[in-house]
């Protein structure tokens, strides 16, 4: 009986890790654990994060993102302009062969503008990523706790972004 319980516990732990650490593929582009922070009930905007790894031999570009959870999704980054951190939309993001581009709080991110409802911890929201060469792929954004610096399932994005708030006039640099 103990042996069966041990196996069941191991399978449950393995299943939980697999469910939290989700990944997708668009041609040679591997998309690692798309996630977002929960937002306050009145927050008009949010952000989504993930990693993109190009396992191919030619450069590709993330051209756009969209989600039914927001009026608009834009590719953004943080810039330091005269000592003030600001968010700005960026052109398509290059992913060189063999390279990984990480979207994380305080850096590159997908800005979700005009949220149709708050992002709640535990929710999953659909998002379409469009690549220049690899085409479009549907992913699910896992919504983590509001103060989360990186996904709980896998901390591959580092502990960046303490104090990052998509709704603040100025954000702290990672």
C-alpha atoms as a PDB file:
ATOM      1  CA  UNK A   1       0.000   0.000   0.000  1.00  0.00           C
ATOM      2  CA  UNK A   2       2.845   2.429   0.848  1.00  0.00           C
ATOM      3  CA  UNK A   3       4.428   1.642  -2.527  1.00  0.00           C
ATOM      4  CA  UNK A   4       1.209   2.515  -4.387  1.00  0.00           C
ATOM      5  CA  UNK A   5       0.806   5.766  -2.418  1.00  0.00           C
ATOM      6  CA  UNK A   6       4.423   6.682  -3.171  1.00  0.00           C
ATOM      7  CA  UNK A   7       3.903   6.122  -6.887  1.00  0.00           C
ATOM      8  CA  UNK A   8       0.656   8.123  -6.824  1.00  0.00           C
ATOM      9  CA  UNK A   9       2.387  11.007  -5.018  1.00  0.00           C
ATOM     10  CA  UNK A  10       5.262  10.995  -7.505  1.00  0.00           C
ATOM     11  CA  UNK A  11       2.848  11.013 -10.438  1.00  0.00           C
ATOM     12  CA  UNK A  12       0.871  13.860  -8.887  1.00  0.00           C
ATOM     13  CA  UNK A  13       4.027  15.930  -8.405  1.00  0.00           C
ATOM     14  CA  UNK A  14       5.208  15.174 -11.929  1.00  0.00           C
ATOM     15  CA  UNK A  15       1.800  16.111 -13.337  1.00  0.00           C
ATOM     16  CA  UNK A  16       1.677  19.375 -11.378  1.00  0.00           C
ATOM     17  CA  UNK A  17       5.101  20.422 -12.634  1.00  0.00           C
ATOM     18  CA  UNK A  18       4.177  19.578 -16.178  1.00  0.00           C
ATOM     19  CA  UNK A  19       0.930  21.516 -15.957  1.00  0.00           C
ATOM     20  CA  UNK A  20       2.670  24.635 -14.630  1.00  0.00           C
ATOM     21  CA  UNK A  21       5.682  24.521 -16.944  1.00  0.00           C
ATOM     22  CA  UNK A  22       3.938  24.701 -20.300  1.00  0.00           C
ATOM     23  CA  UNK A  23       5.651  25.253 -23.622  1.00  0.00           C
ATOM     24  CA  UNK A  24       4.726  25.531 -27.284  1.00  0.00           C
ATOM     25  CA  UNK A  25       6.413  25.389 -30.669  1.00  0.00           C
ATOM     26  CA  UNK A  26       6.024  27.354 -33.913  1.00  0.00           C
ATOM     27  CA  UNK A  27       8.324  25.798 -36.490  1.00  0.00           C
ATOM     28  CA  UNK A  28      11.826  26.064 -35.002  1.00  0.00           C
ATOM     29  CA  UNK A  29      10.724  28.585 -32.357  1.00  0.00           C
ATOM     30  CA  UNK A  30      10.222  27.131 -28.884  1.00  0.00           C
ATOM     31  CA  UNK A  31       7.951  29.206 -26.651  1.00  0.00           C
ATOM     32  CA  UNK A  32       8.612  28.668 -22.960  1.00  0.00           C
ATOM     33  CA  UNK A  33       6.055  29.135 -20.173  1.00  0.00           C
ATOM     34  CA  UNK A  34       3.906  32.110 -21.193  1.00  0.00           C
ATOM     35  CA  UNK A  35       2.707  33.842 -18.014  1.00  0.00           C
ATOM     36  CA  UNK A  36       1.296  37.067 -16.640  1.00  0.00           C
ATOM     37  CA  UNK A  37       0.875  38.677 -13.246  1.00  0.00           C
ATOM     38  CA  UNK A  38      -2.579  38.986 -11.729  1.00  0.00           C
ATOM     39  CA  UNK A  39      -3.899  42.542 -11.963  1.00  0.00           C
ATOM     40  CA  UNK A  40      -5.897  44.730  -9.606  1.00  0.00           C
ATOM     41  CA  UNK A  41      -9.649  44.848 -10.344  1.00  0.00           C
ATOM     42  CA  UNK A  42      -9.384  48.396 -11.731  1.00  0.00           C
ATOM     43  CA  UNK A  43      -6.152  47.929 -13.721  1.00  0.00           C
ATOM     44  CA  UNK A  44      -6.673  48.777 -17.392  1.00  0.00           C
ATOM     45  CA  UNK A  45      -3.455  47.052 -18.534  1.00  0.00           C
ATOM     46  CA  UNK A  46      -1.279  44.035 -17.839  1.00  0.00           C
ATOM     47  CA  UNK A  47       1.806  42.311 -19.174  1.00  0.00           C
ATOM     48  CA  UNK A  48       2.691  38.856 -20.481  1.00  0.00           C
ATOM     49  CA  UNK A  49       6.095  37.183 -20.369  1.00  0.00           C
ATOM     50  CA  UNK A  50       7.697  34.129 -21.969  1.00  0.00           C
ATOM     51  CA  UNK A  51      10.884  32.931 -23.591  1.00  0.00           C
ATOM     52  CA  UNK A  52      11.537  32.367 -27.302  1.00  0.00           C
ATOM     53  CA  UNK A  53      14.295  29.985 -28.418  1.00  0.00           C
ATOM     54  CA  UNK A  54      15.227  29.620 -32.078  1.00  0.00           C
ATOM     55  CA  UNK A  55      16.340  26.025 -32.724  1.00  0.00           C
ATOM     56  CA  UNK A  56      16.518  26.648 -36.480  1.00  0.00           C
ATOM     57  CA  UNK A  57      19.246  27.900 -38.777  1.00  0.00           C
ATOM     58  CA  UNK A  58      17.708  31.222 -39.861  1.00  0.00           C
ATOM     59  CA  UNK A  59      16.648  34.301 -37.935  1.00  0.00           C
ATOM     60  CA  UNK A  60      12.954  34.811 -37.315  1.00  0.00           C
ATOM     61  CA  UNK A  61      11.004  37.711 -35.776  1.00  0.00           C
ATOM     62  CA  UNK A  62       8.115  37.909 -33.362  1.00  0.00           C
ATOM     63  CA  UNK A  63       5.921  40.300 -35.325  1.00  0.00           C
ATOM     64  CA  UNK A  64       2.788  40.619 -33.189  1.00  0.00           C
ATOM     65  CA  UNK A  65       0.613  39.211 -30.433  1.00  0.00           C
ATOM     66  CA  UNK A  66      -3.129  39.287 -29.852  1.00  0.00           C
ATOM     67  CA  UNK A  67      -5.558  38.058 -27.224  1.00  0.00           C
ATOM     68  CA  UNK A  68      -9.302  38.228 -26.738  1.00  0.00           C
ATOM     69  CA  UNK A  69      -8.569  39.228 -23.107  1.00  0.00           C
ATOM     70  CA  UNK A  70      -7.472  42.747 -24.156  1.00  0.00           C
ATOM     71  CA  UNK A  71      -8.346  45.329 -26.777  1.00  0.00           C
ATOM     72  CA  UNK A  72      -4.736  45.365 -27.962  1.00  0.00           C
ATOM     73  CA  UNK A  73      -1.436  43.552 -27.363  1.00  0.00           C
ATOM     74  CA  UNK A  74       1.857  45.292 -28.153  1.00  0.00           C
ATOM     75  CA  UNK A  75       5.499  44.256 -28.012  1.00  0.00           C
ATOM     76  CA  UNK A  76       7.119  46.522 -25.395  1.00  0.00           C
ATOM     77  CA  UNK A  77      10.330  47.122 -23.516  1.00  0.00           C
ATOM     78  CA  UNK A  78      11.548  49.390 -20.730  1.00  0.00           C
ATOM     79  CA  UNK A  79      13.898  52.265 -21.545  1.00  0.00           C
ATOM     80  CA  UNK A  80      15.783  54.627 -19.272  1.00  0.00           C
ATOM     81  CA  UNK A  81      15.202  58.112 -20.642  1.00  0.00           C
ATOM     82  CA  UNK A  82      17.071  60.763 -18.636  1.00  0.00           C
ATOM     83  CA  UNK A  83      16.845  58.680 -15.473  1.00  0.00           C
ATOM     84  CA  UNK A  84      13.137  57.889 -15.878  1.00  0.00           C
ATOM     85  CA  UNK A  85      12.024  54.351 -16.717  1.00  0.00           C
ATOM     86  CA  UNK A  86       9.448  54.308 -19.503  1.00  0.00           C
ATOM     87  CA  UNK A  87       7.720  51.607 -21.497  1.00  0.00           C
ATOM     88  CA  UNK A  88       7.817  51.817 -25.270  1.00  0.00           C
ATOM     89  CA  UNK A  89       6.458  49.747 -28.120  1.00  0.00           C
ATOM     90  CA  UNK A  90       9.228  48.020 -30.102  1.00  0.00           C
ATOM     91  CA  UNK A  91       9.474  46.804 -33.695  1.00  0.00           C
ATOM     92  CA  UNK A  92       9.376  43.057 -34.440  1.00  0.00           C
ATOM     93  CA  UNK A  93      11.760  41.191 -32.147  1.00  0.00           C
ATOM     94  CA  UNK A  94      14.589  39.222 -33.766  1.00  0.00           C
ATOM     95  CA  UNK A  95      15.322  35.691 -32.571  1.00  0.00           C
ATOM     96  CA  UNK A  96      18.697  34.605 -33.966  1.00  0.00           C
ATOM     97  CA  UNK A  97      19.466  30.921 -34.600  1.00  0.00           C
ATOM     98  CA  UNK A  98      20.534  29.210 -31.384  1.00  0.00           C
ATOM     99  CA  UNK A  99      19.488  32.220 -29.261  1.00  0.00           C
ATOM    100  CA  UNK A 100      16.883  32.674 -26.548  1.00  0.00           C
ATOM    101  CA  UNK A 101      15.017  35.951 -26.079  1.00  0.00           C
ATOM    102  CA  UNK A 102      13.459  36.320 -22.633  1.00  0.00           C
ATOM    103  CA  UNK A 103      10.427  38.464 -21.903  1.00  0.00           C
ATOM    104  CA  UNK A 104      10.431  39.314 -18.194  1.00  0.00           C
ATOM    105  CA  UNK A 105       9.239  42.035 -15.814  1.00  0.00           C
ATOM    106  CA  UNK A 106      11.412  45.126 -16.223  1.00  0.00           C
ATOM    107  CA  UNK A 107      12.446  44.189 -19.779  1.00  0.00           C
ATOM    108  CA  UNK A 108      10.781  42.952 -22.935  1.00  0.00           C
ATOM    109  CA  UNK A 109       7.119  42.084 -22.458  1.00  0.00           C
ATOM    110  CA  UNK A 110       3.817  41.856 -24.263  1.00  0.00           C
ATOM    111  CA  UNK A 111       1.699  44.780 -23.088  1.00  0.00           C
ATOM    112  CA  UNK A 112      -1.976  43.941 -22.748  1.00  0.00           C
ATOM    113  CA  UNK A 113      -3.854  47.213 -23.259  1.00  0.00           C
ATOM    114  CA  UNK A 114      -7.516  47.610 -22.408  1.00  0.00           C
ATOM    115  CA  UNK A 115      -8.057  44.448 -20.375  1.00  0.00           C
ATOM    116  CA  UNK A 116     -11.635  43.256 -20.718  1.00  0.00           C
ATOM    117  CA  UNK A 117     -11.534  41.880 -17.173  1.00  0.00           C
ATOM    118  CA  UNK A 118      -8.853  41.615 -14.473  1.00  0.00           C
ATOM    119  CA  UNK A 119      -6.218  38.901 -14.801  1.00  0.00           C
ATOM    120  CA  UNK A 120      -6.873  36.565 -11.872  1.00  0.00           C
ATOM    121  CA  UNK A 121      -4.320  34.180 -10.365  1.00  0.00           C
ATOM    122  CA  UNK A 122      -4.864  30.658 -11.671  1.00  0.00           C
ATOM    123  CA  UNK A 123      -6.612  31.780 -14.863  1.00  0.00           C
ATOM    124  CA  UNK A 124      -5.406  30.864 -18.323  1.00  0.00           C
ATOM    125  CA  UNK A 125      -5.907  33.282 -21.191  1.00  0.00           C
ATOM    126  CA  UNK A 126      -5.440  32.516 -24.881  1.00  0.00           C
ATOM    127  CA  UNK A 127      -2.918  34.462 -26.928  1.00  0.00           C
ATOM    128  CA  UNK A 128      -1.817  34.237 -30.542  1.00  0.00           C
ATOM    129  CA  UNK A 129       1.833  34.923 -31.344  1.00  0.00           C
ATOM    130  CA  UNK A 130       2.694  35.737 -34.965  1.00  0.00           C
ATOM    131  CA  UNK A 131       6.187  35.102 -36.316  1.00  0.00           C
ATOM    132  CA  UNK A 132       7.544  36.344 -39.634  1.00  0.00           C
ATOM    133  CA  UNK A 133       8.613  32.875 -40.835  1.00  0.00           C
ATOM    134  CA  UNK A 134       7.201  30.356 -38.353  1.00  0.00           C
ATOM    135  CA  UNK A 135       3.650  31.690 -38.698  1.00  0.00           C
ATOM    136  CA  UNK A 136       1.066  31.934 -35.935  1.00  0.00           C
ATOM    137  CA  UNK A 137       0.728  29.808 -32.831  1.00  0.00           C
ATOM    138  CA  UNK A 138      -1.891  29.758 -30.083  1.00  0.00           C
ATOM    139  CA  UNK A 139      -0.527  29.712 -26.535  1.00  0.00           C
ATOM    140  CA  UNK A 140      -2.090  29.897 -23.089  1.00  0.00           C
ATOM    141  CA  UNK A 141      -0.928  32.558 -20.643  1.00  0.00           C
ATOM    142  CA  UNK A 142      -0.856  31.224 -17.073  1.00  0.00           C
ATOM    143  CA  UNK A 143      -1.763  33.993 -14.621  1.00  0.00           C
ATOM    144  CA  UNK A 144       0.526  34.000 -11.564  1.00  0.00           C
ATOM    145  CA  UNK A 145       0.319  35.955  -8.294  1.00  0.00           C
ATOM    146  CA  UNK A 146       0.355  39.767  -8.544  1.00  0.00           C
ATOM    147  CA  UNK A 147       3.853  40.159  -7.044  1.00  0.00           C
ATOM    148  CA  UNK A 148       5.391  37.245  -8.924  1.00  0.00           C
ATOM    149  CA  UNK A 149       8.849  38.030 -10.328  1.00  0.00           C
ATOM    150  CA  UNK A 150       8.979  34.841 -12.420  1.00  0.00           C
ATOM    151  CA  UNK A 151       6.815  31.769 -12.912  1.00  0.00           C
ATOM    152  CA  UNK A 152       6.641  29.449  -9.920  1.00  0.00           C
ATOM    153  CA  UNK A 153       6.944  26.378 -12.117  1.00  0.00           C
ATOM    154  CA  UNK A 154      10.255  27.357 -13.618  1.00  0.00           C
ATOM    155  CA  UNK A 155      12.342  30.359 -12.690  1.00  0.00           C
ATOM    156  CA  UNK A 156      14.171  30.448 -16.034  1.00  0.00           C
ATOM    157  CA  UNK A 157      13.487  34.164 -16.483  1.00  0.00           C
ATOM    158  CA  UNK A 158      15.395  35.236 -13.406  1.00  0.00           C
ATOM    159  CA  UNK A 159      14.254  37.281 -10.463  1.00  0.00           C
ATOM    160  CA  UNK A 160      13.829  40.485 -12.409  1.00  0.00           C
ATOM    161  CA  UNK A 161      11.375  43.263 -12.049  1.00  0.00           C
ATOM    162  CA  UNK A 162      10.815  43.899  -8.367  1.00  0.00           C
ATOM    163  CA  UNK A 163       8.392  46.785  -8.152  1.00  0.00           C
ATOM    164  CA  UNK A 164       7.352  46.650 -11.818  1.00  0.00           C
ATOM    165  CA  UNK A 165       3.841  47.974 -12.303  1.00  0.00           C
ATOM    166  CA  UNK A 166       2.326  48.304 -15.784  1.00  0.00           C
ATOM    167  CA  UNK A 167       0.008  51.010 -14.505  1.00  0.00           C
ATOM    168  CA  UNK A 168       2.582  53.242 -12.797  1.00  0.00           C
ATOM    169  CA  UNK A 169       3.881  56.380 -14.459  1.00  0.00           C
ATOM    170  CA  UNK A 170       7.448  55.217 -13.921  1.00  0.00           C
ATOM    171  CA  UNK A 171       8.726  51.708 -13.329  1.00  0.00           C
ATOM    172  CA  UNK A 172      11.851  50.577 -11.596  1.00  0.00           C
ATOM    173  CA  UNK A 173      14.611  49.057 -13.649  1.00  0.00           C
ATOM    174  CA  UNK A 174      15.337  45.398 -12.957  1.00  0.00           C
END
